[in-house]
Structures are given as C-alpha cells and as structure tokens.
Amino acid sequence: MFKFLNFKDIEWKDAPRGYYLSNVKQHTLWEDKKTGATLALVKFPKGVADKIHTHPEANQITIGLSGEIEMPNGIVPMLPNMAATASKGGKHGATNFTKDSIVLFFWDGPPKPKVEE
C-alpha cells in the first residue's frame, strides 16, 4: 500500500551536523538498516549549505525539487527534471543555494560524509 506525504505536513528534523554550514533540515523517507541505503528529503535555506565532502561508502543521486543553486558556471534552477550524481568517494559540496530549496537524495549505502576541506 502507498503512503502519501504532503510536503506541507512534513515534520522536518535537524540534518546531521558536521559538514552542513547552515540550518539544514531533513526528513528520511526510507532507510535500509542492513545496507545503510537512505532516501531523504533535505531542505536547504538560502546560503552556502555544506563543506566539500565525500561519501566513502555510498554513491549519491540528487534530484532538485524546488529552489535554485549557484554552480561554478552560474546559477542553475533546481527543477523536478534536474538530477546529479556523485560517485562513491567523489568530492562535492560547497553548494550555494540562492533560494530556499528542497532536494531529494538517495545514497546506495550509508551516507556517512567525510569532510575534505
């Protein structure tokens, strides 16, 4: 049976601290306790969100649902049809959100970020 979730009804929790630089919130939709794979909605306020980091134990798939981020080549809108991937151990982060944003993340193993800067 499907469970439906209205984003307006989400009880956001503080995201794990250590590499986030602002008041980032998270709502875990699903987690496999055996493998650590996780699907989560993450709510970013405007501003630089995180430090450069890797996920040594997981590949990451990111799907923008709303908002806007500034990438090295300019401002890119976060739209439902925008996705990005980071390979296991691949450096990423230092994302500058130019608008409040909601992003869907999937990690195929335990996210456990390792700060690289």
Protein backbone atom coordinates (compact mmCIF):
# COMPACT_ATOMS: atom_id res chain seq x y z
CA MET A 1 0.00 0.00 0.00
CA PHE A 2 1.21 3.51 -0.81
CA LYS A 3 1.85 6.09 1.88
CA PHE A 4 1.25 9.66 0.75
CA LEU A 5 3.16 12.60 2.19
CA ASN A 6 2.21 16.23 1.66
CA PHE A 7 5.35 18.36 1.88
CA LYS A 8 3.36 20.93 3.88
CA ASP A 9 2.82 18.29 6.61
CA ILE A 10 6.45 17.20 6.98
CA GLU A 11 7.95 17.36 10.43
CA TRP A 12 11.47 18.43 9.46
CA LYS A 13 14.31 17.41 11.77
CA ASP A 14 17.79 18.87 12.06
CA ALA A 15 20.10 17.29 9.50
CA PRO A 16 23.28 15.63 10.78
CA ARG A 17 25.82 18.28 11.78
CA GLY A 18 29.50 18.36 10.92
CA TYR A 19 29.58 19.40 7.29
CA TYR A 20 26.41 21.47 6.89
CA LEU A 21 27.08 25.16 7.43
CA SER A 22 23.52 26.40 7.82
CA ASN A 23 20.20 25.36 9.36
CA VAL A 24 19.59 22.39 7.06
CA LYS A 25 16.55 20.19 7.78
CA GLN A 26 15.93 16.58 6.75
CA HIS A 27 13.10 14.07 6.53
CA THR A 28 14.12 10.44 5.98
CA LEU A 29 11.61 8.71 3.71
CA TRP A 30 13.25 5.27 3.78
CA GLU A 31 16.34 3.59 5.19
CA ASP A 32 17.63 0.05 4.78
CA LYS A 33 19.02 -0.82 8.21
CA LYS A 34 21.12 -3.65 6.73
CA THR A 35 22.92 -1.72 3.96
CA GLY A 36 22.55 1.87 5.18
CA ALA A 37 20.95 2.92 1.88
CA THR A 38 18.85 6.03 2.51
CA LEU A 39 16.23 8.12 0.70
CA ALA A 40 15.70 11.56 2.23
CA LEU A 41 14.21 14.96 1.54
CA VAL A 42 16.58 17.76 2.53
CA LYS A 43 15.50 21.38 2.99
CA PHE A 44 18.22 23.98 2.46
CA PRO A 45 17.91 27.65 3.42
CA LYS A 46 19.44 30.30 1.19
CA GLY A 47 23.24 30.39 1.51
CA VAL A 48 26.24 28.09 1.36
CA ALA A 49 25.00 24.76 2.67
CA ASP A 50 27.91 22.39 3.08
CA LYS A 51 31.64 21.81 3.10
CA ILE A 52 33.47 19.90 0.37
CA HIS A 53 32.98 16.25 1.29
CA THR A 54 32.79 12.69 0.01
CA HIS A 55 30.67 9.66 0.82
CA PRO A 56 33.28 6.87 1.04
CA GLU A 57 30.64 4.13 1.34
CA ALA A 58 27.87 5.37 -0.98
CA ASN A 59 27.06 6.68 -4.42
CA GLN A 60 24.73 9.68 -4.26
CA ILE A 61 21.83 10.60 -6.54
CA THR A 62 20.39 14.08 -6.11
CA ILE A 63 17.12 15.34 -7.61
CA GLY A 64 16.19 19.00 -7.27
CA LEU A 65 12.53 19.54 -6.41
CA SER A 66 12.45 23.30 -5.80
CA GLY A 67 14.78 26.25 -5.36
CA GLU A 68 17.96 27.34 -7.05
CA ILE A 69 21.67 26.74 -6.64
CA GLU A 70 24.75 28.55 -7.86
CA MET A 71 27.22 26.27 -9.58
CA PRO A 72 30.73 27.24 -10.73
CA ASN A 73 29.38 28.05 -14.21
CA GLY A 74 26.48 30.20 -12.97
CA ILE A 75 23.01 29.92 -11.48
CA VAL A 76 21.15 26.71 -12.25
CA PRO A 77 17.47 26.32 -11.31
CA MET A 78 16.61 23.25 -9.23
CA LEU A 79 13.70 21.80 -11.15
CA PRO A 80 11.89 18.45 -11.00
CA ASN A 81 13.76 17.37 -14.13
CA MET A 82 17.27 18.14 -12.80
CA ALA A 83 19.39 15.35 -11.34
CA ALA A 84 23.05 14.98 -10.41
CA THR A 85 25.19 12.07 -9.27
CA ALA A 86 28.32 11.80 -7.13
CA SER A 87 30.29 8.57 -7.30
CA LYS A 88 31.36 6.80 -4.12
CA GLY A 89 34.32 8.80 -2.80
CA GLY A 90 33.78 11.67 -5.30
CA LYS A 91 34.33 15.19 -3.91
CA HIS A 92 31.33 17.51 -4.00
CA GLY A 93 29.65 20.20 -1.93
CA ALA A 94 30.24 23.89 -1.18
CA THR A 95 26.82 24.38 -2.74
CA ASN A 96 25.49 27.95 -2.66
CA PHE A 97 21.70 27.92 -2.56
CA THR A 98 20.44 31.25 -3.93
CA LYS A 99 16.86 30.42 -2.86
CA ASP A 100 15.35 28.14 -0.22
CA SER A 101 15.41 24.67 -1.77
CA ILE A 102 14.13 21.12 -1.31
CA VAL A 103 16.23 18.29 -2.71
CA LEU A 104 15.65 14.53 -2.81
CA PHE A 105 18.76 12.47 -2.00
CA PHE A 106 19.40 8.75 -2.44
CA TRP A 107 22.54 7.07 -1.12
CA ASP A 108 23.04 3.39 -2.02
CA GLY A 109 24.99 2.79 1.20
CA PRO A 110 25.48 4.63 4.47
CA PRO A 111 25.80 8.38 3.66
CA LYS A 112 28.48 8.99 6.36
CA PRO A 113 30.07 12.14 4.87
CA LYS A 114 33.80 12.72 5.20
CA VAL A 115 34.80 16.42 5.12
CA GLU A 116 37.62 17.06 2.63
CA GLU A 117 38.45 20.74 3.22
